[in-house]
């Protein structure tokens, strides 16, 4: 017990400089064959993935630990009997455990008994969270390696995007007419069987060039009945990148940073700068005519103060004439030097598949 208080690292318990007095028979370490057998059991692949949320009892979540059947939980169970549970034997097992985990990372091998998808559950202990984070990094690393080794699939995917844009441009050419106007109602009627003569094509070349930067990209569908403020078009929900996973200690660091400054709203936005800018870029790509207020209405509806229309007997024709949504930004979004608006002005219109990945497994 005294040795455990004197040591700073687990390696101190297995140091060759340890005196004979501290290395008693009760602190004997099992032979390497036993260590290898335990490691093989720990890192044995499991075909069936355990649903940790369903297997846990609610009462057991009062104290943070590792879920039953997980890699770290199995390590703890083996530590209870390994070398009669003496600290030196556990130190040896832990060092070998870390080496095995490092090998999995270097060789891009999945960690067994650890889910590599979903979100990190902060109700579990920090070591389990770190292992889950590492499992996600390994899975992401494997995906990137596979994309790098098979670039043909990316070419087909890019070709598909180009074909989709070409069809849109061809459809736009035939629908703009002499005035070069675009009607969203026509877009729902159109298919690929639209024909237009050479004269119309020549007349509308300039209109197509002007609309080339208005091509909608990365849309996941229409956002209900919401319409853009400056055009008679529905708001489209963009495909967005998932936020990078974070463990509990990283969350606490960010909360402490926000608490240390008075302007917590702008600081929290700066901490989430990359995520927020990614969402803005995707929204711009999916809604070429969108303005900052449109993004706020979709992304942060609590910061949009709508004007209620008391007269509910307005005819459909009058509603069509008075289509523009009424409202204003909240006070914090309207203040001078708002960080969100600055970020919106700098964000390029890029769909999620053309953006820099938010989750870098090598960091």
Foldseek 3Di string as FASTA:
>chain_A
DVVVVVDDALVVLVDPPDDPVVCDPLQDADDVVVLVVLLCVLQPADPDADDQVVQDDPVVLVDAADGPQASVVSLVVVCCPGSVNDSNNNSVSVVVVVVVLVVCLVVLNAGHREDLDDAQDQSHDQVNSVNNLLNVLSVVVVVVVVCVVDVVVVVVVVVVVVVVLVLVLVVQLQPLFLVLDDDVVVVVVDDSPGDDDPVSNVNCPVSSVVCSLVDAPQFPAFDPADAAQPDRHTQTQGDFADARHDHPVVVVVLVVVLVVDDCSPQSVCVVCVVRLLRRLLRSCNRGVPHDLVSCCCPPPVVQKAFDDDPDPPDDPVVCVVVVRTGTDGHPQCPDPPRPSNVSNVPRHNDGNVPDDHNYNSVD
